C-alpha atoms as a PDB file:
ATOM      1  CA  MET A   1      -7.354  -2.729  34.518  1.00  0.00           C
ATOM      2  CA  THR A   2      -9.859  -1.411  36.961  1.00  0.00           C
ATOM      3  CA  THR A   3     -10.273   1.311  33.787  1.00  0.00           C
ATOM      4  CA  THR A   4     -11.248  -1.584  31.629  1.00  0.00           C
ATOM      5  CA  TRP A   5     -13.139  -2.782  33.793  1.00  0.00           C
ATOM      6  CA  ILE A   6     -15.395   0.092  34.523  1.00  0.00           C
ATOM      7  CA  SER A   7     -15.889   0.446  30.497  1.00  0.00           C
ATOM      8  CA  ARG A   8     -17.280  -3.103  29.952  1.00  0.00           C
ATOM      9  CA  ALA A   9     -19.535  -2.996  32.560  1.00  0.00           C
ATOM     10  CA  ALA A  10     -20.839   0.125  31.080  1.00  0.00           C
ATOM     11  CA  ARG A  11     -21.683  -0.847  28.353  1.00  0.00           C
ATOM     12  CA  ASN A  12     -22.824  -3.648  29.517  1.00  0.00           C
ATOM     13  CA  ASN A  13     -25.168  -2.113  31.333  1.00  0.00           C
ATOM     14  CA  ALA A  14     -25.965   0.282  28.718  1.00  0.00           C
ATOM     15  CA  ASP A  15     -26.888  -2.792  26.472  1.00  0.00           C
ATOM     16  CA  TRP A  16     -29.632  -3.914  28.916  1.00  0.00           C
ATOM     17  CA  CYS A  17     -30.899  -1.075  29.373  1.00  0.00           C
ATOM     18  CA  ALA A  18     -31.366  -0.216  25.216  1.00  0.00           C
ATOM     19  CA  ALA A  19     -32.711  -4.045  25.279  1.00  0.00           C
ATOM     20  CA  MET A  20     -35.274  -3.380  28.564  1.00  0.00           C
ATOM     21  CA  SER A  21     -36.846   0.184  26.477  1.00  0.00           C
ATOM     22  CA  ARG A  22     -36.811  -1.987  22.685  1.00  0.00           C
ATOM     23  CA  ALA A  23     -38.909  -3.983  24.777  1.00  0.00           C
ATOM     24  CA  HIS A  24     -40.541  -0.406  25.672  1.00  0.00           C
ATOM     25  CA  GLY A  25     -41.296   0.097  22.044  1.00  0.00           C
ATOM     26  CA  ILE A  26     -38.167   3.214  22.346  1.00  0.00           C
ATOM     27  CA  THR A  27     -34.745   3.294  20.491  1.00  0.00           C
ATOM     28  CA  GLY A  28     -31.905   4.461  22.180  1.00  0.00           C
ATOM     29  CA  ASP A  29     -28.856   5.369  20.120  1.00  0.00           C
ATOM     30  CA  PHE A  30     -25.054   4.097  21.123  1.00  0.00           C
ATOM     31  CA  GLY A  31     -22.763   7.143  20.502  1.00  0.00           C
ATOM     32  CA  THR A  32     -17.956   7.305  21.408  1.00  0.00           C
ATOM     33  CA  ASP A  33     -18.923   8.651  24.044  1.00  0.00           C
ATOM     34  CA  ALA A  34     -22.301   7.481  26.032  1.00  0.00           C
ATOM     35  CA  TRP A  35     -26.369   5.574  24.788  1.00  0.00           C
ATOM     36  CA  THR A  36     -28.946   8.053  25.292  1.00  0.00           C
ATOM     37  CA  SER A  37     -32.853   7.654  24.625  1.00  0.00           C
ATOM     38  CA  PRO A  38     -34.293  10.446  22.889  1.00  0.00           C
ATOM     39  CA  LEU A  39     -38.309   9.541  24.738  1.00  0.00           C
ATOM     40  CA  ARG A  40     -37.697   8.657  28.737  1.00  0.00           C
ATOM     41  CA  THR A  41     -36.936   5.042  29.218  1.00  0.00           C
ATOM     42  CA  PRO A  42     -38.788   2.863  31.168  1.00  0.00           C
ATOM     43  CA  LEU A  43     -39.257   2.766  34.638  1.00  0.00           C
ATOM     44  CA  PHE A  44     -35.702   2.510  36.988  1.00  0.00           C
ATOM     45  CA  TYR A  45     -33.970   2.470  33.540  1.00  0.00           C
ATOM     46  CA  PRO A  46     -31.804   6.024  32.888  1.00  0.00           C
ATOM     47  CA  ASP A  47     -32.275   8.170  29.836  1.00  0.00           C
ATOM     48  CA  ALA A  48     -28.123   8.076  29.038  1.00  0.00           C
ATOM     49  CA  VAL A  49     -25.345   5.713  30.138  1.00  0.00           C
ATOM     50  CA  THR A  50     -22.104   7.191  29.758  1.00  0.00           C
ATOM     51  CA  LEU A  51     -19.856   5.469  28.007  1.00  0.00           C
ATOM     52  CA  THR A  52     -16.356   7.193  28.158  1.00  0.00           C
ATOM     53  CA  PRO A  53     -14.993   8.698  30.722  1.00  0.00           C
ATOM     54  CA  ASN A  54     -15.161  12.719  30.997  1.00  0.00           C
ATOM     55  CA  ALA A  55     -18.338  13.287  28.687  1.00  0.00           C
ATOM     56  CA  ASP A  56     -19.526  16.385  27.963  1.00  0.00           C
ATOM     57  CA  PRO A  57     -22.030  17.100  30.026  1.00  0.00           C
ATOM     58  CA  ALA A  58     -23.607  19.619  27.261  1.00  0.00           C
ATOM     59  CA  ALA A  59     -23.691  18.202  24.702  1.00  0.00           C
ATOM     60  CA  LEU A  60     -25.353  15.166  26.655  1.00  0.00           C
ATOM     61  CA  ILE A  61     -28.462  16.352  27.918  1.00  0.00           C
ATOM     62  CA  THR A  62     -29.185  17.907  24.345  1.00  0.00           C
ATOM     63  CA  ARG A  63     -29.407  14.251  23.536  1.00  0.00           C
ATOM     64  CA  ILE A  64     -32.295  13.127  25.701  1.00  0.00           C
ATOM     65  CA  ASP A  65     -36.333  14.392  26.773  1.00  0.00           C
ATOM     66  CA  ALA A  66     -34.341  16.006  30.096  1.00  0.00           C
ATOM     67  CA  GLY A  67     -38.074  17.346  31.901  1.00  0.00           C
ATOM     68  CA  PRO A  68     -38.688  16.519  35.350  1.00  0.00           C
ATOM     69  CA  GLY A  69     -37.867  13.167  35.113  1.00  0.00           C
ATOM     70  CA  ALA A  70     -34.762  12.616  33.312  1.00  0.00           C
ATOM     71  CA  SER A  71     -31.873  10.366  34.281  1.00  0.00           C
ATOM     72  CA  VAL A  72     -28.715  10.024  33.667  1.00  0.00           C
ATOM     73  CA  LYS A  73     -26.366   6.899  34.859  1.00  0.00           C
ATOM     74  CA  ASP A  74     -22.923   8.522  35.293  1.00  0.00           C
ATOM     75  CA  SER A  75     -20.156   5.040  34.872  1.00  0.00           C
ATOM     76  CA  PHE A  76     -17.586   7.286  35.961  1.00  0.00           C
ATOM     77  CA  ALA A  77     -18.326   9.104  38.413  1.00  0.00           C
ATOM     78  CA  ASP A  78     -17.222  12.271  37.265  1.00  0.00           C
ATOM     79  CA  LEU A  79     -19.854  14.371  35.931  1.00  0.00           C
ATOM     80  CA  ASP A  80     -21.616  17.547  37.394  1.00  0.00           C
ATOM     81  CA  LEU A  81     -25.305  17.743  36.150  1.00  0.00           C
ATOM     82  CA  ARG A  82     -26.286  19.962  38.974  1.00  0.00           C
ATOM     83  CA  PRO A  83     -26.029  23.150  37.012  1.00  0.00           C
ATOM     84  CA  TYR A  84     -28.842  21.153  34.089  1.00  0.00           C
ATOM     85  CA  GLY A  85     -30.944  20.631  37.498  1.00  0.00           C
ATOM     86  CA  PHE A  86     -30.070  17.539  38.520  1.00  0.00           C
ATOM     87  CA  ASP A  87     -29.364  15.981  41.689  1.00  0.00           C
ATOM     88  CA  ILE A  88     -27.644  12.835  43.043  1.00  0.00           C
ATOM     89  CA  LEU A  89     -30.285   9.858  42.973  1.00  0.00           C
ATOM     90  CA  PHE A  90     -27.392   7.471  44.363  1.00  0.00           C
ATOM     91  CA  GLU A  91     -24.559   5.895  44.598  1.00  0.00           C
ATOM     92  CA  ALA A  92     -23.026   2.374  43.458  1.00  0.00           C
ATOM     93  CA  GLN A  93     -20.236   0.340  42.487  1.00  0.00           C
ATOM     94  CA  TRP A  94     -19.073  -1.951  39.103  1.00  0.00           C
ATOM     95  CA  ILE A  95     -18.721  -4.761  39.946  1.00  0.00           C
ATOM     96  CA  HIS A  96     -17.000  -7.964  38.247  1.00  0.00           C
ATOM     97  CA  HIS A  97     -16.122 -11.893  39.417  1.00  0.00           C
ATOM     98  CA  PRO A  98     -14.093 -13.905  37.297  1.00  0.00           C
ATOM     99  CA  ALA A  99     -14.569 -16.410  34.932  1.00  0.00           C
ATOM    100  CA  THR A 100     -16.246 -19.669  36.919  1.00  0.00           C
ATOM    101  CA  THR A 101     -15.211 -23.438  35.500  1.00  0.00           C
ATOM    102  CA  PRO A 102     -17.856 -24.164  33.672  1.00  0.00           C
ATOM    103  CA  ALA A 103     -21.094 -25.517  36.008  1.00  0.00           C
ATOM    104  CA  THR A 104     -21.772 -29.090  35.636  1.00  0.00           C
ATOM    105  CA  THR A 105     -25.799 -28.887  38.083  1.00  0.00           C
ATOM    106  CA  ALA A 106     -28.184 -25.703  36.079  1.00  0.00           C
ATOM    107  CA  PRO A 107     -29.775 -25.046  40.162  1.00  0.00           C
ATOM    108  CA  TRP A 108     -31.949 -23.097  37.523  1.00  0.00           C
ATOM    109  CA  THR A 109     -34.372 -22.494  35.313  1.00  0.00           C
ATOM    110  CA  LEU A 110     -34.588 -20.186  31.915  1.00  0.00           C
ATOM    111  CA  VAL A 111     -37.921 -18.359  31.566  1.00  0.00           C
ATOM    112  CA  LYS A 112     -39.488 -18.815  28.067  1.00  0.00           C
ATOM    113  CA  ASP A 113     -42.539 -17.708  28.349  1.00  0.00           C
ATOM    114  CA  PRO A 114     -44.500 -15.323  29.167  1.00  0.00           C
ATOM    115  CA  ALA A 115     -46.877 -16.347  31.516  1.00  0.00           C
ATOM    116  CA  THR A 116     -43.426 -17.288  33.421  1.00  0.00           C
ATOM    117  CA  LEU A 117     -42.171 -14.063  32.652  1.00  0.00           C
ATOM    118  CA  HIS A 118     -44.937 -12.500  34.333  1.00  0.00           C
ATOM    119  CA  ALA A 119     -45.012 -15.205  37.638  1.00  0.00           C
ATOM    120  CA  TRP A 120     -40.726 -14.450  38.028  1.00  0.00           C
ATOM    121  CA  ALA A 121     -41.385 -10.501  37.590  1.00  0.00           C
ATOM    122  CA  THR A 122     -44.314 -10.712  39.705  1.00  0.00           C
ATOM    123  CA  THR A 123     -42.009 -12.466  42.605  1.00  0.00           C
ATOM    124  CA  TRP A 124     -39.080  -9.822  42.032  1.00  0.00           C
ATOM    125  CA  ASP A 125     -41.881  -6.632  42.247  1.00  0.00           C
ATOM    126  CA  ASN A 126     -45.735  -7.002  42.296  1.00  0.00           C
ATOM    127  CA  ASP A 127     -46.153  -3.732  42.052  1.00  0.00           C
ATOM    128  CA  ASN A 128     -44.266  -3.197  39.119  1.00  0.00           C
ATOM    129  CA  ALA A 129     -44.423  -6.672  36.947  1.00  0.00           C
ATOM    130  CA  GLU A 130     -45.433  -5.316  33.234  1.00  0.00           C
ATOM    131  CA  LEU A 131     -41.931  -3.172  33.355  1.00  0.00           C
ATOM    132  CA  PHE A 132     -40.474  -6.637  32.286  1.00  0.00           C
ATOM    133  CA  ARG A 133     -42.493  -7.292  28.812  1.00  0.00           C
ATOM    134  CA  PRO A 134     -42.771 -10.365  26.204  1.00  0.00           C
ATOM    135  CA  GLU A 135     -40.518  -8.938  23.846  1.00  0.00           C
ATOM    136  CA  LEU A 136     -37.225  -9.345  25.937  1.00  0.00           C
ATOM    137  CA  LEU A 137     -38.033 -13.027  25.482  1.00  0.00           C
ATOM    138  CA  ASP A 138     -36.977 -13.310  21.790  1.00  0.00           C
ATOM    139  CA  ASP A 139     -33.872 -11.329  22.364  1.00  0.00           C
ATOM    140  CA  PRO A 140     -30.720 -13.290  22.202  1.00  0.00           C
ATOM    141  CA  ASP A 141     -28.917 -11.643  24.267  1.00  0.00           C
ATOM    142  CA  ILE A 142     -30.913 -12.182  27.229  1.00  0.00           C
ATOM    143  CA  SER A 143     -31.450 -14.426  29.686  1.00  0.00           C
ATOM    144  CA  VAL A 144     -33.834 -14.592  32.006  1.00  0.00           C
ATOM    145  CA  ILE A 145     -33.104 -17.656  35.034  1.00  0.00           C
ATOM    146  CA  ALA A 146     -35.342 -18.533  38.298  1.00  0.00           C
ATOM    147  CA  LYS A 147     -34.835 -20.900  41.168  1.00  0.00           C
ATOM    148  CA  THR A 148     -38.297 -22.789  41.473  1.00  0.00           C
ATOM    149  CA  THR A 149     -39.557 -24.998  44.149  1.00  0.00           C
ATOM    150  CA  PRO A 150     -40.418 -28.918  43.479  1.00  0.00           C
ATOM    151  CA  ASP A 151     -42.785 -27.586  43.051  1.00  0.00           C
ATOM    152  CA  GLY A 152     -42.498 -25.121  40.718  1.00  0.00           C
ATOM    153  CA  ARG A 153     -42.431 -21.839  42.981  1.00  0.00           C
ATOM    154  CA  ILE A 154     -40.241 -19.236  41.119  1.00  0.00           C
ATOM    155  CA  ILE A 155     -38.277 -17.965  44.350  1.00  0.00           C
ATOM    156  CA  ALA A 156     -34.899 -16.150  42.939  1.00  0.00           C
ATOM    157  CA  GLY A 157     -34.010 -14.993  40.081  1.00  0.00           C
ATOM    158  CA  ALA A 158     -31.747 -11.793  37.793  1.00  0.00           C
ATOM    159  CA  VAL A 159     -31.070 -11.052  34.339  1.00  0.00           C
ATOM    160  CA  LEU A 160     -28.203 -12.039  32.245  1.00  0.00           C
ATOM    161  CA  ASN A 161     -27.019 -10.070  29.568  1.00  0.00           C
ATOM    162  CA  GLN A 162     -24.446 -11.315  26.836  1.00  0.00           C
ATOM    163  CA  SER A 163     -22.319  -7.798  25.901  1.00  0.00           C
ATOM    164  CA  GLU A 164     -19.507  -8.928  23.839  1.00  0.00           C
ATOM    165  CA  ASP A 165     -17.210 -10.919  26.355  1.00  0.00           C
ATOM    166  CA  VAL A 166     -18.659 -10.065  29.617  1.00  0.00           C
ATOM    167  CA  ILE A 167     -21.665 -11.508  30.843  1.00  0.00           C
ATOM    168  CA  GLY A 168     -23.938  -8.519  32.478  1.00  0.00           C
ATOM    169  CA  VAL A 169     -26.286  -9.100  35.972  1.00  0.00           C
ATOM    170  CA  SER A 170     -28.958  -7.459  37.247  1.00  0.00           C
ATOM    171  CA  ASN A 171     -32.406  -7.456  39.082  1.00  0.00           C
ATOM    172  CA  ILE A 172     -31.488  -9.856  41.151  1.00  0.00           C
ATOM    173  CA  PHE A 173     -33.775 -11.174  43.575  1.00  0.00           C
ATOM    174  CA  ALA A 174     -34.369 -13.795  46.426  1.00  0.00           C
ATOM    175  CA  ALA A 175     -38.185 -13.955  47.799  1.00  0.00           C
ATOM    176  CA  GLU A 176     -36.954 -16.619  50.364  1.00  0.00           C
ATOM    177  CA  GLY A 177     -33.564 -15.456  52.106  1.00  0.00           C
ATOM    178  CA  ASP A 178     -31.414 -17.170  50.526  1.00  0.00           C
ATOM    179  CA  SER A 179     -29.409 -14.964  48.321  1.00  0.00           C
ATOM    180  CA  PRO A 180     -29.674 -15.819  44.310  1.00  0.00           C
ATOM    181  CA  TRP A 181     -26.170 -14.453  43.445  1.00  0.00           C
ATOM    182  CA  PRO A 182     -24.909 -18.378  43.171  1.00  0.00           C
ATOM    183  CA  ILE A 183     -27.672 -19.260  39.980  1.00  0.00           C
ATOM    184  CA  ALA A 184     -26.703 -16.279  38.792  1.00  0.00           C
ATOM    185  CA  LEU A 185     -22.045 -17.819  39.154  1.00  0.00           C
ATOM    186  CA  ALA A 186     -24.011 -21.033  38.148  1.00  0.00           C
ATOM    187  CA  ALA A 187     -25.801 -19.317  34.891  1.00  0.00           C
ATOM    188  CA  ALA A 188     -22.670 -17.187  33.875  1.00  0.00           C
ATOM    189  CA  SER A 189     -19.936 -19.899  34.385  1.00  0.00           C
ATOM    190  CA  GLY A 190     -17.431 -20.140  31.945  1.00  0.00           C
ATOM    191  CA  ASN A 191     -17.317 -16.152  30.909  1.00  0.00           C
ATOM    192  CA  PRO A 192     -17.188 -13.359  33.663  1.00  0.00           C
ATOM    193  CA  LEU A 193     -19.685 -11.080  35.366  1.00  0.00           C
ATOM    194  CA  VAL A 194     -20.528  -7.023  35.747  1.00  0.00           C
ATOM    195  CA  GLY A 195     -23.185  -5.400  37.562  1.00  0.00           C
ATOM    196  CA  TYR A 196     -23.517  -2.699  39.943  1.00  0.00           C
ATOM    197  CA  GLU A 197     -24.877  -2.728  43.473  1.00  0.00           C
ATOM    198  CA  HIS A 198     -24.774  -0.848  46.999  1.00  0.00           C
ATOM    199  CA  GLY A 199     -25.666  -1.079  49.859  1.00  0.00           C
ATOM    200  CA  GLU A 200     -26.503  -4.401  51.740  1.00  0.00           C
ATOM    201  CA  ALA A 201     -26.993  -5.552  48.124  1.00  0.00           C
ATOM    202  CA  LEU A 202     -23.006  -4.745  47.465  1.00  0.00           C
ATOM    203  CA  GLU A 203     -22.016  -6.470  50.287  1.00  0.00           C
ATOM    204  CA  SER A 204     -23.692  -9.671  49.711  1.00  0.00           C
ATOM    205  CA  ALA A 205     -22.368  -9.461  45.587  1.00  0.00           C
ATOM    206  CA  ILE A 206     -18.592  -9.037  47.583  1.00  0.00           C
ATOM    207  CA  ALA A 207     -19.106 -12.080  49.880  1.00  0.00           C
ATOM    208  CA  HIS A 208     -19.490 -14.204  46.851  1.00  0.00           C
ATOM    209  CA  GLY A 209     -16.373 -12.853  45.080  1.00  0.00           C
ATOM    210  CA  PHE A 210     -17.383 -10.241  43.069  1.00  0.00           C
ATOM    211  CA  LYS A 211     -14.727  -7.410  43.522  1.00  0.00           C
ATOM    212  CA  PRO A 212     -16.016  -3.683  43.188  1.00  0.00           C
ATOM    213  CA  VAL A 213     -13.876  -1.783  40.399  1.00  0.00           C
ATOM    214  CA  GLY A 214     -15.062   1.643  40.820  1.00  0.00           C
ATOM    215  CA  PRO A 215     -17.489   4.456  41.581  1.00  0.00           C
ATOM    216  CA  LEU A 216     -21.231   5.653  39.530  1.00  0.00           C
ATOM    217  CA  ARG A 217     -23.224   7.829  40.523  1.00  0.00           C
ATOM    218  CA  VAL A 218     -27.083   8.103  38.492  1.00  0.00           C
ATOM    219  CA  TRP A 219     -28.715  11.840  38.144  1.00  0.00           C
ATOM    220  CA  LEU A 220     -32.356  12.025  38.515  1.00  0.00           C
ATOM    221  CA  ARG A 221     -34.408  16.083  36.773  1.00  0.00           C
ATOM    222  CA  GLY A 222     -36.642  17.037  39.877  1.00  0.00           C
END
């Protein structure tokens, strides 16, 4: 059961990485064992995401730009990429939340235009706001959601991406102390959620009903 949720979460995350890459003009490839990009992916996004346990690391490396700065999301935490010049950047847990009753109210808004997307991204990370390009708004599987104040300021947000029968949640943030998890759960209500977190963010996700389902690692070549 756990392996099934890891597989679904990994595929969903690969779909999101592929969507972000497409927004930057980069097309990756889905193989049976991994999603890979032959060109370097956007900042914070891996060049490969494994989709099955025990992927062949030697074959995987040939499908990406494996020079300095290359990264691999080892979805099952079962690879050893040290012989190829990689070190572990961080470890995390895949998480899952069962479907909830559809929300009767919407404490969130959908980002629909480039100007609002830029405001959302600036609140998320002012130094890297340009990562979120308007092309993302044209993807029917991607929803950028925000919580706003009565005067329209964005104070929390997340990205939701639809993949088969699950919704992935990522890039979650709150600018003024409130937890952003309730708006993500409300926006995705009626669907099971998946994602990954570590540290305090993982603790917060667990406090809001998410369950860790298995480890992952991200490898980086220096």
